[in-house]
Amino acid sequence: MIIMSYLQLLKFMSFYVDFCCLVGYLLLTLAMARRNYNELNSICYLLILTFISNQIASYCGMYFRNSSPVFHIFAPLQFCFLGWFFYRNLEAGPVRKSIPYLVLLVIIFSVINLVFFQEFKIYPSNTILLKTLLLIILATVLFIEKLDMPVAQNIFKYPVFLAAVAILSFNLFSFAFFLLTNYFDKNRIYKFNSIMNIHHFSNFIYYTTITIASFYSLKISKSLAKN
């Protein structure tokens, strides 16, 4: 049985996230190229943004010992793309109508947080926590809506449902990560590696599920092209 050291696990997860971003981006690009499938187009753009952000964050961490500035920019941009995804796929109603205002709220909050509370050199945990809570709400609503789909359709092969599951699970784990980090900090419990394992696990589930959703997107686009 092979047991990874924490450093090896960190390197593997970094590679895995980048790999899934590129594979998912490629699959969704192929699906979108057929011009008859666009349910996950915002996810496609988000994947390439994530890949680029990871490369910049790695560079900043290596040479400047601080990658926090990248997350000040990435967090609101990520919510913009995911807001676009939810706006496109949620049924018409008050939740869907509120999404443009929620996107504006996160952008304004991130700027205020940067200027008054957490400068560029500090990780923007306030913005990320707000983003996480809003995404849990939106993903839960979409998840419940898609559960009402016709019985004849396999929801586990439906890209939008898989994306909703990925976003919901990732942000629930992220919220748990925040709570545990704060609790351990207050009680001076030094279990950093144990806490980070939650983050790595949520990354693995999220990017694996998004890659699977991207694969089914390509299959659907091919079937639509034949009709």
Protein backbone atom coordinates (compact mmCIF):
# COMPACT_ATOMS: atom_id res chain seq x y z
CA MET A 1 0.00 0.00 0.00
CA ILE A 2 1.44 3.34 -1.04
CA ILE A 3 1.09 6.14 1.51
CA MET A 4 1.82 9.65 0.27
CA SER A 5 3.61 12.22 2.36
CA TYR A 6 1.76 15.51 2.76
CA LEU A 7 4.09 17.22 0.26
CA GLN A 8 3.49 14.46 -2.28
CA LEU A 9 -0.27 14.75 -1.74
CA LEU A 10 -0.05 18.52 -2.25
CA LYS A 11 1.84 18.10 -5.54
CA PHE A 12 -0.54 15.37 -6.73
CA MET A 13 -3.65 17.48 -6.00
CA SER A 14 -2.14 20.49 -7.76
CA PHE A 15 -1.44 18.33 -10.83
CA TYR A 16 -4.87 16.68 -10.62
CA VAL A 17 -6.75 19.99 -10.46
CA ASP A 18 -4.81 21.36 -13.44
CA PHE A 19 -5.36 18.11 -15.37
CA CYS A 20 -9.13 18.12 -14.72
CA CYS A 21 -9.39 21.81 -15.65
CA LEU A 22 -7.70 21.21 -19.00
CA VAL A 23 -9.63 18.01 -19.78
CA GLY A 24 -12.96 19.58 -18.77
CA TYR A 25 -12.17 22.70 -20.79
CA LEU A 26 -11.31 20.61 -23.85
CA LEU A 27 -14.49 18.51 -23.60
CA LEU A 28 -16.75 21.52 -23.11
CA THR A 29 -15.02 23.43 -25.91
CA LEU A 30 -15.74 20.52 -28.24
CA ALA A 31 -19.36 20.44 -27.06
CA MET A 32 -19.78 24.20 -27.52
CA ALA A 33 -18.17 24.08 -30.96
CA ARG A 34 -21.22 22.22 -32.21
CA ARG A 35 -23.29 25.32 -31.40
CA ASN A 36 -26.18 23.30 -30.04
CA TYR A 37 -25.11 22.87 -26.43
CA ASN A 38 -24.38 25.72 -24.01
CA GLU A 39 -25.63 24.66 -20.58
CA LEU A 40 -22.10 24.51 -19.18
CA ASN A 41 -20.40 27.22 -21.24
CA SER A 42 -19.75 29.35 -18.15
CA ILE A 43 -18.16 26.31 -16.45
CA CYS A 44 -15.92 25.93 -19.50
CA TYR A 45 -14.60 29.48 -19.13
CA LEU A 46 -14.29 29.03 -15.36
CA LEU A 47 -12.11 25.94 -15.80
CA ILE A 48 -9.55 27.76 -17.94
CA LEU A 49 -9.66 30.72 -15.53
CA THR A 50 -8.98 28.31 -12.66
CA PHE A 51 -6.05 26.77 -14.50
CA ILE A 52 -4.50 30.17 -15.23
CA SER A 53 -5.09 31.34 -11.64
CA ASN A 54 -3.43 28.19 -10.27
CA GLN A 55 -0.34 28.82 -12.39
CA ILE A 56 -0.12 32.46 -11.26
CA ALA A 57 -0.72 31.49 -7.62
CA SER A 58 2.05 28.87 -7.81
CA TYR A 59 4.42 31.45 -9.31
CA CYS A 60 3.56 34.03 -6.63
CA GLY A 61 3.92 31.46 -3.87
CA MET A 62 7.30 30.34 -5.18
CA TYR A 63 8.86 33.74 -5.83
CA PHE A 64 6.96 36.13 -3.52
CA ARG A 65 5.93 33.70 -0.76
CA ASN A 66 2.39 35.03 -0.98
CA SER A 67 -0.38 33.99 -3.39
CA SER A 68 -3.20 35.85 -1.62
CA PRO A 69 -3.48 38.65 -4.24
CA VAL A 70 -4.55 36.05 -6.83
CA PHE A 71 -7.52 34.99 -4.68
CA HIS A 72 -8.69 38.60 -4.25
CA ILE A 73 -9.21 38.64 -8.01
CA PHE A 74 -10.23 35.01 -8.57
CA ALA A 75 -12.97 34.82 -5.90
CA PRO A 76 -15.35 37.48 -7.37
CA LEU A 77 -14.60 36.32 -10.93
CA GLN A 78 -15.42 32.74 -9.97
CA PHE A 79 -18.75 33.85 -8.51
CA CYS A 80 -19.51 35.79 -11.70
CA PHE A 81 -19.06 32.68 -13.86
CA LEU A 82 -20.98 30.44 -11.47
CA GLY A 83 -23.70 33.08 -11.20
CA TRP A 84 -23.95 32.96 -14.98
CA PHE A 85 -24.26 29.15 -14.78
CA PHE A 86 -27.09 29.32 -12.23
CA TYR A 87 -28.88 32.12 -14.08
CA ARG A 88 -28.89 30.03 -17.26
CA ASN A 89 -30.04 26.78 -15.63
CA LEU A 90 -32.37 27.75 -12.77
CA GLU A 91 -36.09 27.93 -13.47
CA ALA A 92 -37.61 31.40 -13.66
CA GLY A 93 -38.41 32.71 -10.21
CA PRO A 94 -37.21 34.97 -7.39
CA VAL A 95 -33.94 33.06 -6.88
CA ARG A 96 -33.01 33.36 -10.55
CA LYS A 97 -33.95 37.05 -10.60
CA SER A 98 -31.76 37.72 -7.56
CA ILE A 99 -28.57 36.35 -9.16
CA PRO A 100 -27.42 39.58 -10.92
CA TYR A 101 -27.82 41.42 -7.60
CA LEU A 102 -25.91 38.70 -5.75
CA VAL A 103 -23.06 38.95 -8.27
CA LEU A 104 -22.98 42.72 -7.77
CA LEU A 105 -23.05 42.21 -3.99
CA VAL A 106 -20.03 39.89 -4.06
CA ILE A 107 -18.06 42.26 -6.30
CA ILE A 108 -18.79 45.29 -4.09
CA PHE A 109 -18.12 43.31 -0.91
CA SER A 110 -14.78 42.04 -2.27
CA VAL A 111 -13.67 45.60 -3.04
CA ILE A 112 -14.73 46.88 0.40
CA ASN A 113 -13.05 43.91 2.06
CA LEU A 114 -9.83 44.58 0.12
CA VAL A 115 -9.76 48.28 0.93
CA PHE A 116 -10.80 48.21 4.61
CA PHE A 117 -10.28 44.73 6.07
CA GLN A 118 -8.07 42.27 4.20
CA GLU A 119 -5.46 43.88 1.96
CA PHE A 120 -3.78 42.16 -0.99
CA LYS A 121 -1.23 40.39 1.20
CA ILE A 122 -3.96 38.80 3.36
CA TYR A 123 -6.04 35.84 2.19
CA PRO A 124 -9.60 37.14 1.43
CA SER A 125 -11.41 34.74 3.76
CA ASN A 126 -14.32 37.17 4.27
CA THR A 127 -15.11 37.32 0.55
CA ILE A 128 -14.66 33.59 0.11
CA LEU A 129 -16.94 32.83 3.06
CA LEU A 130 -19.71 35.04 1.61
CA LYS A 131 -19.25 33.45 -1.81
CA THR A 132 -19.34 29.98 -0.28
CA LEU A 133 -22.62 30.57 1.58
CA LEU A 134 -24.33 32.05 -1.49
CA LEU A 135 -23.17 29.17 -3.70
CA ILE A 136 -24.52 26.63 -1.18
CA ILE A 137 -27.94 28.29 -1.42
CA LEU A 138 -27.96 28.51 -5.23
CA ALA A 139 -26.62 24.97 -5.71
CA THR A 140 -29.21 23.58 -3.27
CA VAL A 141 -32.05 25.23 -5.18
CA LEU A 142 -30.76 23.92 -8.52
CA PHE A 143 -30.17 20.45 -7.03
CA ILE A 144 -33.78 20.29 -5.77
CA GLU A 145 -35.14 21.51 -9.11
CA LYS A 146 -33.27 18.86 -11.07
CA LEU A 147 -34.51 16.10 -8.75
CA ASP A 148 -37.97 16.75 -10.23
CA MET A 149 -36.84 15.86 -13.73
CA PRO A 150 -38.76 13.12 -15.61
CA VAL A 151 -38.08 9.63 -14.26
CA ALA A 152 -37.13 8.41 -17.74
CA GLN A 153 -34.05 10.68 -17.73
CA ASN A 154 -31.02 9.52 -15.76
CA ILE A 155 -30.08 12.59 -13.72
CA PHE A 156 -26.66 11.09 -12.97
CA LYS A 157 -25.85 11.49 -16.65
CA TYR A 158 -27.26 15.02 -16.83
CA PRO A 159 -24.40 17.56 -16.84
CA VAL A 160 -26.27 20.37 -15.07
CA PHE A 161 -27.29 18.07 -12.20
CA LEU A 162 -23.71 16.77 -11.86
CA ALA A 163 -22.39 20.35 -11.85
CA ALA A 164 -24.91 21.27 -9.13
CA VAL A 165 -23.77 18.28 -7.05
CA ALA A 166 -20.12 19.26 -7.54
CA ILE A 167 -20.68 22.89 -6.57
CA LEU A 168 -22.88 22.01 -3.58
CA SER A 169 -20.53 19.36 -2.16
CA PHE A 170 -17.42 21.49 -2.70
CA ASN A 171 -18.87 24.50 -0.91
CA LEU A 172 -20.29 22.44 1.96
CA PHE A 173 -16.82 20.98 2.51
CA SER A 174 -15.33 24.48 2.18
CA PHE A 175 -17.72 25.80 4.83
CA ALA A 176 -16.76 22.93 7.15
CA PHE A 177 -13.11 23.74 6.42
CA PHE A 178 -13.66 27.36 7.52
CA LEU A 179 -15.42 26.33 10.73
CA LEU A 180 -12.76 23.80 11.68
CA THR A 181 -9.93 26.21 10.89
CA ASN A 182 -11.44 28.89 13.12
CA TYR A 183 -12.13 26.39 15.89
CA PHE A 184 -8.59 24.98 15.79
CA ASP A 185 -7.08 28.47 15.72
CA LYS A 186 -9.10 29.63 18.74
CA ASN A 187 -8.25 26.51 20.72
CA ARG A 188 -4.63 26.38 19.53
CA ILE A 189 -5.02 22.91 18.06
CA TYR A 190 -2.32 22.37 15.48
CA LYS A 191 -3.77 19.90 13.00
CA PHE A 192 -3.08 21.78 9.78
CA ASN A 193 -2.51 18.70 7.62
CA SER A 194 -5.71 17.07 8.88
CA ILE A 195 -7.75 20.17 8.04
CA MET A 196 -6.16 20.52 4.63
CA ASN A 197 -7.14 16.94 3.84
CA ILE A 198 -10.76 18.12 3.85
CA HIS A 199 -9.84 20.76 1.30
CA HIS A 200 -7.97 18.25 -0.88
CA PHE A 201 -10.84 15.76 -0.69
CA SER A 202 -13.39 18.41 -1.71
CA ASN A 203 -11.14 19.44 -4.62
CA PHE A 204 -10.90 15.82 -5.76
CA ILE A 205 -14.69 15.33 -5.66
CA TYR A 206 -15.41 18.69 -7.32
CA TYR A 207 -13.03 18.44 -10.26
CA THR A 208 -13.73 14.74 -10.85
CA THR A 209 -17.48 15.41 -11.00
CA ILE A 210 -17.05 18.46 -13.24
CA THR A 211 -14.89 16.39 -15.62
CA ILE A 212 -17.58 13.69 -15.75
CA ALA A 213 -20.22 16.37 -16.41
CA SER A 214 -18.05 17.72 -19.22
CA PHE A 215 -17.84 14.24 -20.76
CA TYR A 216 -21.62 13.85 -20.73
CA SER A 217 -21.95 17.36 -22.21
CA LEU A 218 -19.92 16.23 -25.20
CA LYS A 219 -22.05 13.08 -25.57
CA ILE A 220 -25.26 15.14 -25.50
CA SER A 221 -23.91 17.62 -28.04
CA LYS A 222 -23.04 14.73 -30.36
CA SER A 223 -26.53 13.24 -30.09
CA LEU A 224 -28.12 16.64 -30.71
CA ALA A 225 -25.94 17.11 -33.79
CA LYS A 226 -27.23 13.84 -35.26
CA ASN A 227 -30.90 14.86 -34.87
